[in-house]
C-alpha atoms as a PDB file:
ATOM      1  CA  MET A   1     -22.596  20.730 -12.872  1.00  0.00           C
ATOM      2  CA  ARG A   2     -21.539  23.465 -11.364  1.00  0.00           C
ATOM      3  CA  ASP A   3     -18.667  25.218 -13.229  1.00  0.00           C
ATOM      4  CA  TYR A   4     -15.306  25.050 -10.696  1.00  0.00           C
ATOM      5  CA  PRO A   5     -12.734  27.443 -11.605  1.00  0.00           C
ATOM      6  CA  ASP A   6     -10.265  25.175 -11.417  1.00  0.00           C
ATOM      7  CA  ARG A   7     -11.436  22.781 -14.094  1.00  0.00           C
ATOM      8  CA  MET A   8      -8.569  21.370 -15.788  1.00  0.00           C
ATOM      9  CA  THR A   9      -8.491  22.029 -19.810  1.00  0.00           C
ATOM     10  CA  PRO A  10      -7.974  18.485 -22.000  1.00  0.00           C
ATOM     11  CA  GLU A  11      -4.077  19.282 -21.895  1.00  0.00           C
ATOM     12  CA  GLN A  12      -3.867  19.737 -18.336  1.00  0.00           C
ATOM     13  CA  ALA A  13      -5.467  16.954 -17.620  1.00  0.00           C
ATOM     14  CA  ARG A  14      -3.453  14.209 -19.901  1.00  0.00           C
ATOM     15  CA  ALA A  15      -0.297  16.501 -18.096  1.00  0.00           C
ATOM     16  CA  PHE A  16      -2.048  15.766 -14.379  1.00  0.00           C
ATOM     17  CA  GLY A  17      -2.843  12.045 -15.270  1.00  0.00           C
ATOM     18  CA  GLU A  18       1.310  11.903 -16.308  1.00  0.00           C
ATOM     19  CA  ASP A  19       1.948  13.210 -13.063  1.00  0.00           C
ATOM     20  CA  VAL A  20       0.236  11.370 -10.352  1.00  0.00           C
ATOM     21  CA  LEU A  21       1.682   7.803 -11.887  1.00  0.00           C
ATOM     22  CA  ASN A  22       5.337   9.284 -12.110  1.00  0.00           C
ATOM     23  CA  ILE A  23       4.353  10.664  -7.870  1.00  0.00           C
ATOM     24  CA  VAL A  24       3.117   6.941  -7.727  1.00  0.00           C
ATOM     25  CA  SER A  25       5.664   5.220  -9.105  1.00  0.00           C
ATOM     26  CA  GLN A  26       8.284   6.813  -6.757  1.00  0.00           C
ATOM     27  CA  ILE A  27       6.142   5.907  -3.334  1.00  0.00           C
ATOM     28  CA  PRO A  28       9.119   3.437  -1.846  1.00  0.00           C
ATOM     29  CA  ARG A  29       8.184  -0.098  -0.845  1.00  0.00           C
ATOM     30  CA  GLY A  30       6.495   0.196   2.633  1.00  0.00           C
ATOM     31  CA  ARG A  31       5.331   3.422   1.996  1.00  0.00           C
ATOM     32  CA  VAL A  32       1.933   4.739   1.489  1.00  0.00           C
ATOM     33  CA  THR A  33       1.029   8.568   0.554  1.00  0.00           C
ATOM     34  CA  THR A  34      -2.340   9.523   0.457  1.00  0.00           C
ATOM     35  CA  TYR A  35      -4.824  10.863  -2.792  1.00  0.00           C
ATOM     36  CA  GLY A  36      -4.481  14.467  -1.998  1.00  0.00           C
ATOM     37  CA  HIS A  37      -0.978  14.541  -1.279  1.00  0.00           C
ATOM     38  CA  ILE A  38      -0.882  13.381  -4.948  1.00  0.00           C
ATOM     39  CA  ALA A  39      -2.683  16.229  -6.336  1.00  0.00           C
ATOM     40  CA  LEU A  40      -1.281  18.880  -4.337  1.00  0.00           C
ATOM     41  CA  LEU A  41       2.559  17.127  -5.375  1.00  0.00           C
ATOM     42  CA  ALA A  42       0.795  17.259  -9.715  1.00  0.00           C
ATOM     43  CA  GLY A  43      -0.475  20.611  -8.729  1.00  0.00           C
ATOM     44  CA  TRP A  44      -4.244  20.773  -8.471  1.00  0.00           C
ATOM     45  CA  PRO A  45      -4.838  20.252  -4.768  1.00  0.00           C
ATOM     46  CA  SER A  46      -8.486  20.243  -4.696  1.00  0.00           C
ATOM     47  CA  HIS A  47      -8.054  17.288  -6.914  1.00  0.00           C
ATOM     48  CA  ALA A  48      -8.152  14.126  -4.707  1.00  0.00           C
ATOM     49  CA  ARG A  49     -10.550  12.012  -6.310  1.00  0.00           C
ATOM     50  CA  MET A  50      -8.588  12.674 -10.008  1.00  0.00           C
ATOM     51  CA  VAL A  51      -6.285  10.907  -8.941  1.00  0.00           C
ATOM     52  CA  GLY A  52      -8.043   7.847  -7.746  1.00  0.00           C
ATOM     53  CA  ARG A  53      -9.944   8.058 -11.081  1.00  0.00           C
ATOM     54  CA  THR A  54      -6.547   7.975 -13.377  1.00  0.00           C
ATOM     55  CA  LEU A  55      -5.241   5.171 -11.749  1.00  0.00           C
ATOM     56  CA  ARG A  56      -8.690   3.394 -11.943  1.00  0.00           C
ATOM     57  CA  TYR A  57      -8.957   3.990 -15.824  1.00  0.00           C
ATOM     58  CA  THR A  58      -5.772   5.012 -16.978  1.00  0.00           C
ATOM     59  CA  PRO A  59      -3.705   2.276 -19.108  1.00  0.00           C
ATOM     60  CA  GLY A  60      -0.991   0.583 -17.537  1.00  0.00           C
ATOM     61  CA  ALA A  61      -1.078   2.507 -14.209  1.00  0.00           C
ATOM     62  CA  ALA A  62      -1.473  -1.761 -12.755  1.00  0.00           C
ATOM     63  CA  GLU A  63       1.724  -1.402 -13.450  1.00  0.00           C
ATOM     64  CA  LEU A  64       2.830   1.393 -10.461  1.00  0.00           C
ATOM     65  CA  PRO A  65       2.593   0.176  -7.320  1.00  0.00           C
ATOM     66  CA  CYS A  66      -0.878   1.885  -7.059  1.00  0.00           C
ATOM     67  CA  HIS A  67      -1.587  -0.064  -3.893  1.00  0.00           C
ATOM     68  CA  ARG A  68       0.415   1.965  -1.905  1.00  0.00           C
ATOM     69  CA  VAL A  69      -2.412   5.271  -2.506  1.00  0.00           C
ATOM     70  CA  VAL A  70      -4.616   5.387   0.051  1.00  0.00           C
ATOM     71  CA  ASN A  71      -7.323   8.066   1.797  1.00  0.00           C
ATOM     72  CA  LYS A  72      -6.606  10.620   4.084  1.00  0.00           C
ATOM     73  CA  VAL A  73      -6.732   8.435   6.548  1.00  0.00           C
ATOM     74  CA  GLY A  74      -5.233   5.694   6.015  1.00  0.00           C
ATOM     75  CA  ARG A  75      -8.162   3.545   4.674  1.00  0.00           C
ATOM     76  CA  THR A  76      -7.388   1.658   1.372  1.00  0.00           C
ATOM     77  CA  ALA A  77      -9.984   1.413  -1.324  1.00  0.00           C
ATOM     78  CA  PRO A  78     -13.054  -0.206  -1.158  1.00  0.00           C
ATOM     79  CA  GLY A  79     -13.408  -3.206  -2.407  1.00  0.00           C
ATOM     80  CA  TRP A  80      -9.831  -4.324  -3.776  1.00  0.00           C
ATOM     81  CA  LYS A  81      -9.230  -6.060  -0.267  1.00  0.00           C
ATOM     82  CA  ARG A  82      -5.666  -7.291  -1.976  1.00  0.00           C
ATOM     83  CA  GLN A  83      -4.394  -4.125  -1.630  1.00  0.00           C
ATOM     84  CA  ARG A  84      -4.038  -4.960   2.462  1.00  0.00           C
ATOM     85  CA  THR A  85      -2.463  -7.659   1.668  1.00  0.00           C
ATOM     86  CA  LEU A  86       0.471  -6.200  -0.700  1.00  0.00           C
ATOM     87  CA  LEU A  87       1.119  -4.166   1.731  1.00  0.00           C
ATOM     88  CA  GLU A  88       1.405  -6.107   5.234  1.00  0.00           C
ATOM     89  CA  ASP A  89       3.933  -8.422   2.305  1.00  0.00           C
ATOM     90  CA  GLU A  90       4.927  -5.183   2.326  1.00  0.00           C
ATOM     91  CA  GLY A  91       5.758  -4.290   5.933  1.00  0.00           C
ATOM     92  CA  VAL A  92       2.778  -2.148   6.578  1.00  0.00           C
ATOM     93  CA  LEU A  93       0.816  -2.534   9.668  1.00  0.00           C
ATOM     94  CA  PHE A  94      -2.255  -1.703   9.929  1.00  0.00           C
ATOM     95  CA  LYS A  95      -4.433  -0.675  13.095  1.00  0.00           C
ATOM     96  CA  ALA A  96      -7.121  -1.734  14.820  1.00  0.00           C
ATOM     97  CA  ASN A  97      -9.888   0.162  12.939  1.00  0.00           C
ATOM     98  CA  GLY A  98      -7.632  -1.719  10.113  1.00  0.00           C
ATOM     99  CA  HIS A  99      -6.324   2.033   8.557  1.00  0.00           C
ATOM    100  CA  VAL A 100      -2.629   2.092   7.972  1.00  0.00           C
ATOM    101  CA  ASP A 101      -0.884   3.930  10.070  1.00  0.00           C
ATOM    102  CA  MET A 102      -0.665   7.228   8.328  1.00  0.00           C
ATOM    103  CA  GLU A 103       2.348   8.402  11.433  1.00  0.00           C
ATOM    104  CA  ARG A 104       4.306   5.531  10.651  1.00  0.00           C
ATOM    105  CA  TYR A 105       4.470   5.032   7.135  1.00  0.00           C
ATOM    106  CA  LEU A 106       3.061   7.829   5.079  1.00  0.00           C
ATOM    107  CA  TRP A 107       5.423   9.142   2.795  1.00  0.00           C
ATOM    108  CA  GLU A 108       5.554  13.288   1.916  1.00  0.00           C
ATOM    109  CA  PRO A 109       8.209  14.008  -1.264  1.00  0.00           C
ATOM    110  CA  GLU A 110       8.792  17.563  -1.137  1.00  0.00           C
ATOM    111  CA  PHE A 111       7.290  18.894  -4.105  1.00  0.00           C
ATOM    112  CA  ILE A 112       9.012  16.482  -6.858  1.00  0.00           C
ATOM    113  CA  GLY A 113      10.637  18.811  -9.766  1.00  0.00           C
ATOM    114  CA  GLU A 114      11.968  21.757  -8.063  1.00  0.00           C
ATOM    115  CA  ASN A 115      15.339  22.148  -8.414  1.00  0.00           C
END
């Protein structure tokens, strides 16, 4: 495995996980955001995949609106068919290609925690 210059320490990984869960908890009903945008907000812009792992493997994450997180083109998580239903129940519309209409539903807050 290559050594990445932005590899996290265990303490940074814990803080990243907490930040991810905090950000996801704030996604408004009827809106979506991306794994990459969450990683950027958490201060680790190259860690979009780790956002997905955090949401999948952190106890208690299922209590959060994880269904509101999609990839950068609006595609839902592979293998999670209920995600689309949950989003549609909130009024999120999908394009003919099955992706969320990101121009309409993308939630991009300012950096959380800034004064």
